[in-house]
Amino acid sequence: MRAINTINSAAGLVAVAVLLAACSSPVKVAEQPTQQPATTTKPPVTDTRSVTAVKTEIDPLNDPNSPLAKRSVYFDFDQYVVKTEYSGTVNAHSKYLSANNGKKILIQGNTDERGGREYNLALGQKRAEAVRKSLSLLGVPEAQMEAVSLGKEKPKATGSDEAAWAENRRADIIYSGK
């Protein structure tokens, strides 16, 4: 029996030693930098080729800082007269279209949700025609422009308050062509 107790004690000590070894942290060995053989340094290579700068122009239609980035003309309630605050926008588009004969625009007249369908289609057409006429007076050929009405069918803003209605009373200039 004494031999069994001795064996059990020895087994217990071995189990405790294994548990302690498993819980210990690994020993960290500091890495020593390896020395590389000395090399001879070569003089830097100079490139004798010439570099030509390439001009990259941003298309003003895609430049967010261009006056052409503004593509909407807004109107007062029940009105279709282009306000003087949009003369700069209309003028910028007229200059661009006059210089780019291959470009065409579609002018979409829009209204707010108030009013009947037929009334809003007629008012939207008058708004689109007002912008088209302004561009025409500034020298844009009729062949480059088309005016259509969407009425209240394509709102820019949702909601039934003055801010949403004001956002929807507009004519949008949409470019196509080369």
N, C-alpha and C. Protein backbone atom coordinates (compact mmCIF):
# COMPACT_ATOMS: atom_id res chain seq x y z
N MET A 1 0.80 -1.17 0.00
CA MET A 1 0.00 0.00 0.00
C MET A 1 0.86 1.25 0.00
N ARG A 2 1.95 1.12 0.70
CA ARG A 2 2.87 2.23 0.73
C ARG A 2 3.43 2.50 -0.66
N ALA A 3 3.64 1.50 -1.43
CA ALA A 3 4.16 1.66 -2.79
C ALA A 3 3.14 2.38 -3.66
N ILE A 4 1.88 2.09 -3.42
CA ILE A 4 0.82 2.74 -4.21
C ILE A 4 0.77 4.22 -3.85
N ASN A 5 0.89 4.55 -2.56
CA ASN A 5 0.90 5.95 -2.15
C ASN A 5 2.09 6.69 -2.75
N THR A 6 3.21 6.04 -2.81
CA THR A 6 4.40 6.67 -3.38
C THR A 6 4.19 6.92 -4.87
N ILE A 7 3.59 5.97 -5.54
CA ILE A 7 3.33 6.13 -6.98
C ILE A 7 2.32 7.25 -7.20
N ASN A 8 1.27 7.30 -6.38
CA ASN A 8 0.26 8.35 -6.51
C ASN A 8 0.88 9.72 -6.24
N SER A 9 1.74 9.81 -5.25
CA SER A 9 2.40 11.08 -4.94
C SER A 9 3.28 11.51 -6.09
N ALA A 10 4.01 10.57 -6.66
CA ALA A 10 4.90 10.89 -7.77
C ALA A 10 4.08 11.34 -8.99
N ALA A 11 2.97 10.67 -9.24
CA ALA A 11 2.10 11.03 -10.36
C ALA A 11 1.51 12.42 -10.15
N GLY A 12 1.13 12.73 -8.90
CA GLY A 12 0.59 14.05 -8.59
C GLY A 12 1.62 15.13 -8.82
N LEU A 13 2.87 14.86 -8.39
CA LEU A 13 3.94 15.85 -8.59
C LEU A 13 4.20 16.07 -10.08
N VAL A 14 4.17 15.01 -10.86
CA VAL A 14 4.39 15.14 -12.31
C VAL A 14 3.26 15.96 -12.93
N ALA A 15 2.02 15.73 -12.51
CA ALA A 15 0.87 16.47 -13.04
C ALA A 15 0.99 17.95 -12.71
N VAL A 16 1.39 18.29 -11.48
CA VAL A 16 1.57 19.68 -11.08
C VAL A 16 2.68 20.32 -11.89
N ALA A 17 3.76 19.60 -12.12
CA ALA A 17 4.88 20.13 -12.89
C ALA A 17 4.46 20.41 -14.33
N VAL A 18 3.65 19.51 -14.91
CA VAL A 18 3.17 19.69 -16.29
C VAL A 18 2.27 20.92 -16.37
N LEU A 19 1.38 21.08 -15.39
CA LEU A 19 0.49 22.24 -15.37
C LEU A 19 1.27 23.54 -15.23
N LEU A 20 2.25 23.57 -14.38
CA LEU A 20 3.06 24.78 -14.21
C LEU A 20 3.84 25.11 -15.48
N ALA A 21 4.32 24.08 -16.14
CA ALA A 21 5.07 24.31 -17.37
C ALA A 21 4.16 24.85 -18.46
N ALA A 22 2.91 24.39 -18.50
CA ALA A 22 1.96 24.85 -19.51
C ALA A 22 1.56 26.30 -19.28
N CYS A 23 1.53 26.77 -18.05
CA CYS A 23 1.11 28.12 -17.72
C CYS A 23 2.23 29.13 -17.83
N SER A 24 3.43 28.70 -17.95
CA SER A 24 4.54 29.65 -17.97
C SER A 24 4.58 30.38 -19.31
N SER A 25 5.17 31.60 -19.33
CA SER A 25 5.31 32.36 -20.57
C SER A 25 6.57 31.91 -21.28
N PRO A 26 6.52 32.02 -22.60
CA PRO A 26 7.70 31.60 -23.35
C PRO A 26 8.85 32.56 -23.11
N VAL A 27 10.00 32.05 -23.19
CA VAL A 27 11.21 32.84 -23.00
C VAL A 27 11.48 33.58 -24.30
N LYS A 28 11.69 34.88 -24.19
CA LYS A 28 11.95 35.69 -25.38
C LYS A 28 13.45 35.77 -25.59
N VAL A 29 13.83 35.46 -26.80
CA VAL A 29 15.23 35.50 -27.16
C VAL A 29 15.44 36.73 -28.02
N ALA A 30 16.37 37.56 -27.62
CA ALA A 30 16.65 38.77 -28.39
C ALA A 30 17.36 38.39 -29.67
N GLU A 31 16.84 38.93 -30.77
CA GLU A 31 17.46 38.63 -32.05
C GLU A 31 18.63 39.57 -32.26
N GLN A 32 19.69 39.01 -32.71
CA GLN A 32 20.85 39.83 -33.01
C GLN A 32 20.86 40.11 -34.50
N PRO A 33 21.09 41.36 -34.85
CA PRO A 33 21.10 41.68 -36.28
C PRO A 33 22.26 40.96 -36.96
N THR A 34 21.95 40.47 -38.12
CA THR A 34 23.00 39.79 -38.87
C THR A 34 23.79 40.83 -39.63
N GLN A 35 25.03 40.64 -39.64
CA GLN A 35 25.88 41.59 -40.35
C GLN A 35 25.98 41.16 -41.79
N GLN A 36 25.75 42.14 -42.66
CA GLN A 36 25.84 41.85 -44.07
C GLN A 36 27.24 42.22 -44.54
N PRO A 37 27.69 41.51 -45.50
CA PRO A 37 29.04 41.82 -46.00
C PRO A 37 29.05 43.22 -46.60
N ALA A 38 30.15 43.89 -46.45
CA ALA A 38 30.29 45.24 -46.97
C ALA A 38 30.20 45.21 -48.49
N THR A 39 29.42 46.12 -49.05
CA THR A 39 29.30 46.19 -50.49
C THR A 39 29.83 47.53 -50.96
N THR A 40 30.22 47.54 -52.16
CA THR A 40 30.69 48.80 -52.71
C THR A 40 29.49 49.55 -53.26
N THR A 41 29.42 50.82 -53.00
CA THR A 41 28.30 51.61 -53.50
C THR A 41 28.62 52.10 -54.90
N LYS A 42 27.60 51.98 -55.76
CA LYS A 42 27.76 52.42 -57.13
C LYS A 42 27.18 53.82 -57.24
N PRO A 43 27.70 54.62 -58.11
CA PRO A 43 27.14 55.95 -58.28
C PRO A 43 25.71 55.84 -58.84
N PRO A 44 24.82 56.79 -58.48
CA PRO A 44 23.44 56.70 -58.97
C PRO A 44 23.39 56.85 -60.49
N VAL A 45 22.45 56.13 -61.07
CA VAL A 45 22.28 56.17 -62.51
C VAL A 45 21.41 57.38 -62.84
N THR A 46 21.84 58.18 -63.76
CA THR A 46 21.05 59.33 -64.17
C THR A 46 20.40 59.01 -65.50
N ASP A 47 19.13 59.34 -65.59
CA ASP A 47 18.37 59.10 -66.81
C ASP A 47 18.53 60.30 -67.72
N THR A 48 18.97 60.08 -68.91
CA THR A 48 19.21 61.18 -69.83
C THR A 48 18.03 61.41 -70.77
N ARG A 49 16.95 60.65 -70.60
CA ARG A 49 15.78 60.84 -71.46
C ARG A 49 15.05 62.11 -71.05
N SER A 50 14.44 62.75 -71.99
CA SER A 50 13.70 63.98 -71.67
C SER A 50 12.25 63.62 -71.38
N VAL A 51 11.64 64.39 -70.52
CA VAL A 51 10.25 64.18 -70.15
C VAL A 51 9.44 65.35 -70.69
N THR A 52 8.39 65.04 -71.40
CA THR A 52 7.53 66.08 -71.95
C THR A 52 6.26 66.13 -71.12
N ALA A 53 5.93 67.30 -70.64
CA ALA A 53 4.72 67.46 -69.85
C ALA A 53 3.50 67.35 -70.77
N VAL A 54 2.51 66.64 -70.31
CA VAL A 54 1.29 66.46 -71.07
C VAL A 54 0.21 67.32 -70.43
N LYS A 55 -0.42 68.13 -71.24
CA LYS A 55 -1.51 68.96 -70.71
C LYS A 55 -2.76 68.10 -70.62
N THR A 56 -3.33 68.05 -69.46
CA THR A 56 -4.59 67.35 -69.28
C THR A 56 -5.63 68.38 -68.89
N GLU A 57 -6.55 68.60 -69.78
CA GLU A 57 -7.60 69.56 -69.50
C GLU A 57 -8.81 68.83 -68.97
N ILE A 58 -9.40 69.40 -67.98
CA ILE A 58 -10.64 68.84 -67.43
C ILE A 58 -11.78 69.39 -68.26
N ASP A 59 -12.65 68.51 -68.69
CA ASP A 59 -13.83 68.95 -69.42
C ASP A 59 -14.65 69.84 -68.49
N PRO A 60 -14.95 71.07 -68.89
CA PRO A 60 -15.68 71.97 -68.00
C PRO A 60 -17.06 71.43 -67.60
N LEU A 61 -17.60 70.52 -68.39
CA LEU A 61 -18.89 69.93 -68.01
C LEU A 61 -18.75 69.02 -66.79
N ASN A 62 -17.54 68.48 -66.59
CA ASN A 62 -17.30 67.56 -65.46
C ASN A 62 -16.55 68.21 -64.32
N ASP A 63 -16.22 69.48 -64.46
CA ASP A 63 -15.48 70.20 -63.42
C ASP A 63 -16.48 70.81 -62.43
N PRO A 64 -16.47 70.37 -61.17
CA PRO A 64 -17.44 70.91 -60.20
C PRO A 64 -17.23 72.39 -59.89
N ASN A 65 -16.06 72.94 -60.24
CA ASN A 65 -15.79 74.35 -60.00
C ASN A 65 -16.18 75.23 -61.19
N SER A 66 -16.57 74.62 -62.29
CA SER A 66 -16.94 75.36 -63.49
C SER A 66 -18.35 75.93 -63.34
N PRO A 67 -18.62 77.08 -63.96
CA PRO A 67 -20.00 77.59 -63.94
C PRO A 67 -20.97 76.66 -64.66
N LEU A 68 -20.43 75.76 -65.50
CA LEU A 68 -21.28 74.80 -66.19
C LEU A 68 -21.78 73.69 -65.27
N ALA A 69 -21.24 73.62 -64.07
CA ALA A 69 -21.70 72.61 -63.10
C ALA A 69 -23.13 72.92 -62.66
N LYS A 70 -23.50 74.18 -62.75
CA LYS A 70 -24.88 74.57 -62.41
C LYS A 70 -25.74 74.28 -63.63
N ARG A 71 -26.66 73.33 -63.49
CA ARG A 71 -27.46 72.90 -64.63
C ARG A 71 -28.95 73.12 -64.43
N SER A 72 -29.32 73.83 -63.37
CA SER A 72 -30.74 74.08 -63.12
C SER A 72 -30.99 75.57 -63.01
N VAL A 73 -32.11 76.00 -63.60
CA VAL A 73 -32.58 77.37 -63.49
C VAL A 73 -33.90 77.29 -62.73
N TYR A 74 -34.00 78.02 -61.62
CA TYR A 74 -35.18 77.93 -60.76
C TYR A 74 -36.13 79.09 -61.02
N PHE A 75 -37.42 78.83 -60.77
CA PHE A 75 -38.48 79.80 -61.05
C PHE A 75 -39.32 80.05 -59.81
N ASP A 76 -39.97 81.21 -59.80
CA ASP A 76 -40.92 81.53 -58.74
C ASP A 76 -42.21 80.76 -58.99
N PHE A 77 -43.07 80.74 -57.99
CA PHE A 77 -44.35 80.03 -58.08
C PHE A 77 -45.17 80.56 -59.26
N ASP A 78 -45.63 79.66 -60.09
CA ASP A 78 -46.52 79.96 -61.21
C ASP A 78 -45.87 80.92 -62.22
N GLN A 79 -44.54 80.93 -62.31
CA GLN A 79 -43.82 81.83 -63.20
C GLN A 79 -42.94 81.03 -64.17
N TYR A 80 -42.63 81.67 -65.29
CA TYR A 80 -41.72 81.05 -66.26
C TYR A 80 -40.76 82.07 -66.86
N VAL A 81 -40.45 83.10 -66.11
CA VAL A 81 -39.47 84.10 -66.53
C VAL A 81 -38.13 83.76 -65.88
N VAL A 82 -37.07 83.72 -66.71
CA VAL A 82 -35.73 83.43 -66.18
C VAL A 82 -35.28 84.63 -65.35
N LYS A 83 -35.00 84.39 -64.07
CA LYS A 83 -34.60 85.47 -63.16
C LYS A 83 -33.16 85.90 -63.47
N THR A 84 -32.86 87.16 -63.16
CA THR A 84 -31.53 87.71 -63.45
C THR A 84 -30.43 86.98 -62.69
N GLU A 85 -30.75 86.38 -61.55
CA GLU A 85 -29.72 85.66 -60.80
C GLU A 85 -29.19 84.44 -61.55
N TYR A 86 -29.90 84.00 -62.59
CA TYR A 86 -29.46 82.85 -63.38
C TYR A 86 -28.87 83.26 -64.72
N SER A 87 -28.69 84.56 -64.94
CA SER A 87 -28.13 85.00 -66.22
C SER A 87 -26.69 84.51 -66.40
N GLY A 88 -25.91 84.44 -65.33
CA GLY A 88 -24.54 83.93 -65.42
C GLY A 88 -24.51 82.47 -65.83
N THR A 89 -25.41 81.68 -65.27
CA THR A 89 -25.51 80.25 -65.62
C THR A 89 -25.89 80.10 -67.09
N VAL A 90 -26.92 80.82 -67.51
CA VAL A 90 -27.38 80.73 -68.90
C VAL A 90 -26.27 81.21 -69.85
N ASN A 91 -25.60 82.28 -69.50
CA ASN A 91 -24.53 82.82 -70.33
C ASN A 91 -23.37 81.82 -70.46
N ALA A 92 -22.99 81.18 -69.37
CA ALA A 92 -21.89 80.19 -69.41
C ALA A 92 -22.26 79.03 -70.33
N HIS A 93 -23.49 78.55 -70.26
CA HIS A 93 -23.92 77.45 -71.12
C HIS A 93 -23.98 77.89 -72.59
N SER A 94 -24.39 79.14 -72.82
CA SER A 94 -24.46 79.61 -74.21
C SER A 94 -23.06 79.69 -74.82
N LYS A 95 -22.08 80.16 -74.06
CA LYS A 95 -20.70 80.23 -74.57
C LYS A 95 -20.16 78.84 -74.87
N TYR A 96 -20.43 77.90 -73.97
CA TYR A 96 -19.93 76.53 -74.16
C TYR A 96 -20.57 75.90 -75.40
N LEU A 97 -21.88 76.06 -75.53
CA LEU A 97 -22.57 75.46 -76.68
C LEU A 97 -22.14 76.10 -77.99
N SER A 98 -21.92 77.40 -77.98
CA SER A 98 -21.47 78.09 -79.20
C SER A 98 -20.08 77.62 -79.61
N ALA A 99 -19.24 77.31 -78.65
CA ALA A 99 -17.88 76.85 -78.94
C ALA A 99 -17.82 75.36 -79.25
N ASN A 100 -18.86 74.61 -78.91
CA ASN A 100 -18.89 73.16 -79.11
C ASN A 100 -20.14 72.78 -79.90
N ASN A 101 -20.04 72.91 -81.22
CA ASN A 101 -21.20 72.67 -82.09
C ASN A 101 -21.72 71.24 -82.03
N GLY A 102 -20.87 70.29 -81.63
CA GLY A 102 -21.30 68.90 -81.56
C GLY A 102 -22.14 68.59 -80.33
N LYS A 103 -22.15 69.49 -79.37
CA LYS A 103 -22.93 69.26 -78.14
C LYS A 103 -24.37 69.70 -78.35
N LYS A 104 -25.27 68.94 -77.77
CA LYS A 104 -26.70 69.27 -77.79
C LYS A 104 -27.21 69.21 -76.36
N ILE A 105 -28.27 69.96 -76.12
CA ILE A 105 -28.87 69.93 -74.79
C ILE A 105 -30.36 69.64 -74.89
N LEU A 106 -30.83 69.03 -73.84
CA LEU A 106 -32.25 68.83 -73.63
C LEU A 106 -32.60 69.66 -72.40
N ILE A 107 -33.55 70.55 -72.55
CA ILE A 107 -33.97 71.40 -71.43
C ILE A 107 -35.29 70.83 -70.93
N GLN A 108 -35.29 70.37 -69.68
CA GLN A 108 -36.48 69.74 -69.10
C GLN A 108 -37.13 70.71 -68.12
N GLY A 109 -38.35 71.13 -68.45
CA GLY A 109 -39.10 72.01 -67.56
C GLY A 109 -39.84 71.20 -66.52
N ASN A 110 -39.78 71.66 -65.27
CA ASN A 110 -40.40 70.95 -64.15
C ASN A 110 -41.25 71.89 -63.32
N THR A 111 -42.19 71.31 -62.58
CA THR A 111 -43.05 72.09 -61.69
C THR A 111 -43.12 71.40 -60.33
N ASP A 112 -43.70 72.10 -59.37
CA ASP A 112 -43.95 71.43 -58.09
C ASP A 112 -45.23 70.62 -58.20
N GLU A 113 -45.61 69.97 -57.12
CA GLU A 113 -46.73 69.03 -57.16
C GLU A 113 -48.10 69.69 -57.21
N ARG A 114 -48.15 70.97 -56.93
CA ARG A 114 -49.44 71.65 -56.90
C ARG A 114 -49.93 71.89 -58.33
N GLY A 115 -51.22 71.81 -58.53
CA GLY A 115 -51.81 72.02 -59.85
C GLY A 115 -52.10 70.70 -60.54
N GLY A 116 -52.96 70.77 -61.54
CA GLY A 116 -53.33 69.58 -62.29
C GLY A 116 -52.23 69.16 -63.25
N ARG A 117 -52.39 67.95 -63.77
CA ARG A 117 -51.37 67.38 -64.67
C ARG A 117 -51.19 68.23 -65.92
N GLU A 118 -52.28 68.57 -66.59
CA GLU A 118 -52.19 69.35 -67.83
C GLU A 118 -51.61 70.73 -67.58
N TYR A 119 -52.04 71.37 -66.50
CA TYR A 119 -51.53 72.70 -66.17
C TYR A 119 -50.02 72.64 -65.93
N ASN A 120 -49.58 71.65 -65.17
CA ASN A 120 -48.15 71.53 -64.85
C ASN A 120 -47.32 71.18 -66.08
N LEU A 121 -47.85 70.36 -66.99
CA LEU A 121 -47.12 70.06 -68.23
C LEU A 121 -46.95 71.33 -69.07
N ALA A 122 -48.01 72.15 -69.13
CA ALA A 122 -47.93 73.40 -69.90
C ALA A 122 -46.95 74.37 -69.24
N LEU A 123 -46.99 74.50 -67.91
CA LEU A 123 -46.08 75.41 -67.20
C LEU A 123 -44.63 74.93 -67.33
N GLY A 124 -44.41 73.63 -67.23
CA GLY A 124 -43.07 73.08 -67.40
C GLY A 124 -42.52 73.35 -68.80
N GLN A 125 -43.39 73.26 -69.81
CA GLN A 125 -42.96 73.55 -71.18
C GLN A 125 -42.59 75.03 -71.33
N LYS A 126 -43.37 75.91 -70.71
CA LYS A 126 -43.06 77.35 -70.77
C LYS A 126 -41.71 77.64 -70.10
N ARG A 127 -41.40 76.95 -69.02
CA ARG A 127 -40.12 77.14 -68.33
C ARG A 127 -38.96 76.66 -69.20
N ALA A 128 -39.13 75.50 -69.81
CA ALA A 128 -38.08 74.98 -70.70
C ALA A 128 -37.89 75.90 -71.90
N GLU A 129 -38.98 76.40 -72.45
CA GLU A 129 -38.90 77.31 -73.60
C GLU A 129 -38.26 78.63 -73.22
N ALA A 130 -38.49 79.11 -71.99
CA ALA A 130 -37.88 80.36 -71.54
C ALA A 130 -36.36 80.24 -71.50
N VAL A 131 -35.85 79.11 -71.02
CA VAL A 131 -34.40 78.89 -70.99
C VAL A 131 -33.87 78.72 -72.41
N ARG A 132 -34.60 77.98 -73.25
CA ARG A 132 -34.18 77.79 -74.64
C ARG A 132 -34.12 79.13 -75.37
N LYS A 133 -35.12 79.97 -75.16
CA LYS A 133 -35.15 81.28 -75.83
C LYS A 133 -33.99 82.16 -75.34
N SER A 134 -33.69 82.12 -74.05
CA SER A 134 -32.56 82.90 -73.51
C SER A 134 -31.25 82.46 -74.16
N LEU A 135 -31.06 81.15 -74.30
CA LEU A 135 -29.85 80.63 -74.94
C LEU A 135 -29.81 81.01 -76.42
N SER A 136 -30.95 80.96 -77.07
CA SER A 136 -31.03 81.32 -78.47
C SER A 136 -30.67 82.79 -78.69
N LEU A 137 -31.15 83.66 -77.82
CA LEU A 137 -30.83 85.09 -77.92
C LEU A 137 -29.35 85.35 -77.71
N LEU A 138 -28.67 84.44 -77.01
CA LEU A 138 -27.23 84.57 -76.78
C LEU A 138 -26.41 83.89 -77.87
N GLY A 139 -27.07 83.38 -78.92
CA GLY A 139 -26.36 82.86 -80.08
C GLY A 139 -26.30 81.35 -80.22
N VAL A 140 -26.95 80.60 -79.36
CA VAL A 140 -26.92 79.14 -79.49
C VAL A 140 -27.89 78.73 -80.61
N PRO A 141 -27.42 77.96 -81.59
CA PRO A 141 -28.31 77.53 -82.68
C PRO A 141 -29.45 76.64 -82.17
N GLU A 142 -30.61 76.83 -82.77
CA GLU A 142 -31.80 76.04 -82.38
C GLU A 142 -31.56 74.54 -82.52
N ALA A 143 -30.73 74.15 -83.48
CA ALA A 143 -30.46 72.73 -83.73
C ALA A 143 -29.76 72.05 -82.56
N GLN A 144 -29.16 72.83 -81.67
CA GLN A 144 -28.45 72.26 -80.52
C GLN A 144 -29.35 72.12 -79.29
N MET A 145 -30.60 72.57 -79.38
CA MET A 145 -31.45 72.60 -78.19
C MET A 145 -32.80 71.94 -78.45
N GLU A 146 -33.31 71.31 -77.41
CA GLU A 146 -34.68 70.79 -77.43
C GLU A 146 -35.28 71.06 -76.06
N ALA A 147 -36.52 71.54 -76.06
CA ALA A 147 -37.20 71.86 -74.80
C ALA A 147 -38.39 70.93 -74.62
N VAL A 148 -38.47 70.29 -73.46
CA VAL A 148 -39.58 69.39 -73.14
C VAL A 148 -40.07 69.68 -71.73
N SER A 149 -41.28 69.22 -71.45
CA SER A 149 -41.84 69.39 -70.11
C SER A 149 -42.01 68.03 -69.44
N LEU A 150 -41.65 67.99 -68.18
CA LEU A 150 -41.91 66.80 -67.37
C LEU A 150 -42.99 67.08 -66.35
N GLY A 151 -43.45 68.34 -66.28
CA GLY A 151 -44.47 68.70 -65.31
C GLY A 151 -44.01 68.40 -63.90
N LYS A 152 -44.87 67.72 -63.16
CA LYS A 152 -44.53 67.36 -61.78
C LYS A 152 -44.04 65.92 -61.66
N GLU A 153 -43.73 65.30 -62.79
CA GLU A 153 -43.39 63.87 -62.82
C GLU A 153 -41.98 63.54 -62.34
N LYS A 154 -41.09 64.51 -62.32
CA LYS A 154 -39.70 64.21 -61.93
C LYS A 154 -39.24 65.20 -60.86
N PRO A 155 -39.75 65.07 -59.64
CA PRO A 155 -39.36 66.02 -58.59
C PRO A 155 -37.90 65.81 -58.16
N LYS A 156 -37.25 66.92 -57.85
CA LYS A 156 -35.88 66.87 -57.34
C LYS A 156 -35.91 66.67 -55.83
N ALA A 157 -36.90 67.25 -55.19
CA ALA A 157 -37.04 67.15 -53.73
C ALA A 157 -38.41 66.58 -53.40
N THR A 158 -38.44 65.74 -52.37
CA THR A 158 -39.72 65.22 -51.91
C THR A 158 -40.19 66.05 -50.73
N GLY A 159 -41.48 66.09 -50.55
CA GLY A 159 -42.02 66.87 -49.45
C GLY A 159 -43.11 67.80 -49.96
N SER A 160 -43.90 68.26 -49.05
CA SER A 160 -45.00 69.17 -49.39
C SER A 160 -44.86 70.45 -48.60
N ASP A 161 -43.70 71.08 -48.71
CA ASP A 161 -43.48 72.37 -48.06
C ASP A 161 -42.81 73.30 -49.07
N GLU A 162 -42.69 74.56 -48.71
CA GLU A 162 -42.17 75.56 -49.64
C GLU A 162 -40.76 75.24 -50.11
N ALA A 163 -39.91 74.70 -49.24
CA ALA A 163 -38.53 74.38 -49.63
C ALA A 163 -38.52 73.32 -50.73
N ALA A 164 -39.33 72.29 -50.59
CA ALA A 164 -39.39 71.23 -51.61
C ALA A 164 -40.01 71.76 -52.90
N TRP A 165 -41.06 72.54 -52.77
CA TRP A 165 -41.71 73.09 -53.97
C TRP A 165 -40.75 73.99 -54.74
N ALA A 166 -39.99 74.83 -54.02
CA ALA A 166 -39.04 75.74 -54.68
C ALA A 166 -37.96 74.96 -55.43
N GLU A 167 -37.53 73.84 -54.87
CA GLU A 167 -36.50 73.00 -55.50
C GLU A 167 -37.04 72.34 -56.78
N ASN A 168 -38.33 72.11 -56.84
CA ASN A 168 -38.93 71.42 -57.98
C ASN A 168 -39.36 72.36 -59.10
N ARG A 169 -39.44 73.65 -58.84
CA ARG A 169 -39.82 74.63 -59.88
C ARG A 169 -38.55 75.03 -60.64
N ARG A 170 -38.22 74.27 -61.69
CA ARG A 170 -36.93 74.46 -62.34
C ARG A 170 -36.96 73.98 -63.79
N ALA A 171 -35.91 74.35 -64.50
CA ALA A 171 -35.62 73.79 -65.82
C ALA A 171 -34.19 73.24 -65.74
N ASP A 172 -34.02 71.98 -66.10
CA ASP A 172 -32.71 71.32 -66.04
C ASP A 172 -32.09 71.27 -67.43
N ILE A 173 -30.80 71.54 -67.50
CA ILE A 173 -30.05 71.49 -68.76
C ILE A 173 -29.26 70.18 -68.77
N ILE A 174 -29.56 69.32 -69.75
CA ILE A 174 -28.93 68.00 -69.84
C ILE A 174 -28.18 67.91 -71.16
N TYR A 175 -26.88 67.61 -71.08
CA TYR A 175 -26.02 67.56 -72.26
C TYR A 175 -25.99 66.18 -72.90
N SER A 176 -25.86 66.17 -74.23
CA SER A 176 -25.64 64.93 -74.98
C SER A 176 -24.78 65.30 -76.19
N GLY A 177 -24.37 64.32 -76.93
CA GLY A 177 -23.57 64.60 -78.14
C GLY A 177 -22.09 64.43 -77.89
N LYS A 178 -21.31 64.70 -78.95
CA LYS A 178 -19.86 64.49 -78.91
C LYS A 178 -19.18 65.48 -78.01
